[in-house]
Amino acid sequence: MANSIIEAATKGALKDLDYPKTGEEAAEGEVKDVVVFIVGGATYQEAREAYQFSLQGKNVIIGGTNIVNSKEFLGDIMYYGQSTGQILSTSSPSAKHFEDMKFH
């Protein structure tokens, strides 16, 4: 998801109402610098995608409330799912797999 947002941002293709801009724009609406902040945490994959854009000459900075790996992300989903009463069915294979995992 971050990849598509970063790509659209560098092309100046995002709606100003949803994604406000500051500073000057480059020629033809292209944006020189992009800052992406992900509430809830950015993943290592999203950081890698930002890096790939930097290799293309784009200045992309990515941040978030924290950096999460896949295990932490799945643990958060389970935690918030349980707190809202929307947990996986215990009969599903994936639910059994999650029950066996230890989250910290």
Protein backbone atom coordinates (compact mmCIF):
# COMPACT_ATOMS: atom_id res chain seq x y z
CA MET A 1 0.00 0.00 0.00
CA ALA A 2 2.77 2.46 0.87
CA ASN A 3 4.32 1.73 -2.52
CA SER A 4 1.25 2.93 -4.45
CA ILE A 5 0.87 6.03 -2.25
CA ILE A 6 4.55 6.95 -2.61
CA GLU A 7 4.41 6.44 -6.38
CA ALA A 8 1.29 8.60 -6.72
CA ALA A 9 2.81 11.25 -4.43
CA THR A 10 6.02 11.51 -6.47
CA LYS A 11 3.90 12.03 -9.61
CA GLY A 12 1.73 14.67 -7.91
CA ALA A 13 -1.33 12.47 -8.46
CA LEU A 14 -2.82 12.52 -4.94
CA LYS A 15 -5.81 14.68 -4.04
CA ASP A 16 -4.70 17.81 -2.19
CA LEU A 17 -7.68 17.51 0.16
CA ASP A 18 -6.56 14.06 1.38
CA TYR A 19 -2.79 14.53 0.97
CA PRO A 20 -1.87 18.20 1.48
CA LYS A 21 1.33 19.57 -0.05
CA THR A 22 3.77 22.11 1.29
CA GLY A 23 6.61 23.91 -0.44
CA GLU A 24 7.26 24.16 -4.14
CA GLU A 25 6.38 21.57 -6.75
CA ALA A 26 8.74 20.49 -9.50
CA ALA A 27 7.88 20.88 -13.18
CA GLU A 28 4.72 19.22 -14.46
CA GLY A 29 3.31 18.58 -10.98
CA GLU A 30 6.00 16.17 -9.86
CA VAL A 31 6.86 16.33 -6.18
CA LYS A 32 10.53 16.48 -5.18
CA ASP A 33 10.24 15.38 -1.55
CA VAL A 34 7.76 12.95 0.02
CA VAL A 35 7.25 12.31 3.74
CA VAL A 36 5.10 9.31 4.68
CA PHE A 37 4.04 8.76 8.30
CA ILE A 38 2.09 5.63 9.14
CA VAL A 39 0.03 5.72 12.32
CA GLY A 40 0.15 2.28 13.92
CA GLY A 41 3.61 1.54 12.61
CA ALA A 42 5.55 1.13 9.41
CA THR A 43 6.85 -2.23 8.30
CA TYR A 44 10.32 -3.11 7.11
CA GLN A 45 8.81 -3.81 3.68
CA GLU A 46 7.41 -0.27 3.52
CA ALA A 47 10.82 1.13 4.49
CA ARG A 48 12.36 -0.94 1.69
CA GLU A 49 9.83 0.43 -0.80
CA ALA A 50 10.73 3.99 0.24
CA TYR A 51 14.40 3.12 -0.27
CA GLN A 52 13.68 1.81 -3.78
CA PHE A 53 12.18 5.19 -4.68
CA SER A 54 15.28 6.94 -3.33
CA LEU A 55 17.35 4.90 -5.81
CA GLN A 56 15.26 6.52 -8.57
CA GLY A 57 16.29 9.99 -7.41
CA LYS A 58 13.23 10.69 -5.27
CA ASN A 59 13.66 11.99 -1.72
CA VAL A 60 11.32 9.77 0.32
CA ILE A 61 11.24 9.77 4.11
CA ILE A 62 9.13 7.16 5.86
CA GLY A 63 8.24 6.97 9.52
CA GLY A 64 5.59 5.77 11.87
CA THR A 65 4.57 5.45 15.46
CA ASN A 66 6.92 2.45 15.50
CA ILE A 67 8.53 -0.10 13.19
CA VAL A 68 6.82 -3.50 13.22
CA ASN A 69 7.74 -6.88 11.83
CA SER A 70 5.18 -9.41 10.58
CA LYS A 71 4.95 -11.25 13.90
CA GLU A 72 4.24 -8.01 15.80
CA PHE A 73 1.71 -6.97 13.17
CA LEU A 74 -0.19 -10.26 13.48
CA GLY A 75 -0.03 -10.01 17.27
CA ASP A 76 -1.60 -6.56 17.11
CA ILE A 77 -4.38 -7.87 14.88
CA MET A 78 -5.10 -10.69 17.34
CA TYR A 79 -5.00 -8.34 20.34
CA TYR A 80 -7.35 -5.77 18.83
CA GLY A 81 -9.59 -8.48 17.39
CA GLN A 82 -10.01 -10.01 20.84
CA SER A 83 -10.70 -6.64 22.45
CA THR A 84 -13.50 -5.98 19.94
CA GLY A 85 -14.88 -9.51 20.04
CA GLN A 86 -13.93 -10.11 16.41
CA ILE A 87 -11.46 -12.98 16.72
CA LEU A 88 -10.84 -15.77 14.26
CA SER A 89 -13.00 -18.83 14.55
CA THR A 90 -11.23 -21.43 16.68
CA SER A 91 -12.14 -24.02 14.06
CA SER A 92 -10.09 -22.31 11.34
CA PRO A 93 -6.53 -23.60 10.74
CA SER A 94 -5.13 -20.07 10.91
CA ALA A 95 -6.73 -19.49 14.31
CA LYS A 96 -4.99 -22.60 15.69
CA HIS A 97 -1.68 -21.36 14.27
CA PHE A 98 -2.15 -17.97 15.96
CA GLU A 99 -3.03 -19.62 19.28
CA ASP A 100 0.31 -21.48 19.18
CA MET A 101 2.33 -18.30 18.59
CA LYS A 102 3.78 -16.34 21.50
CA PHE A 103 3.43 -12.58 21.15
CA HIS A 104 5.32 -10.09 23.29
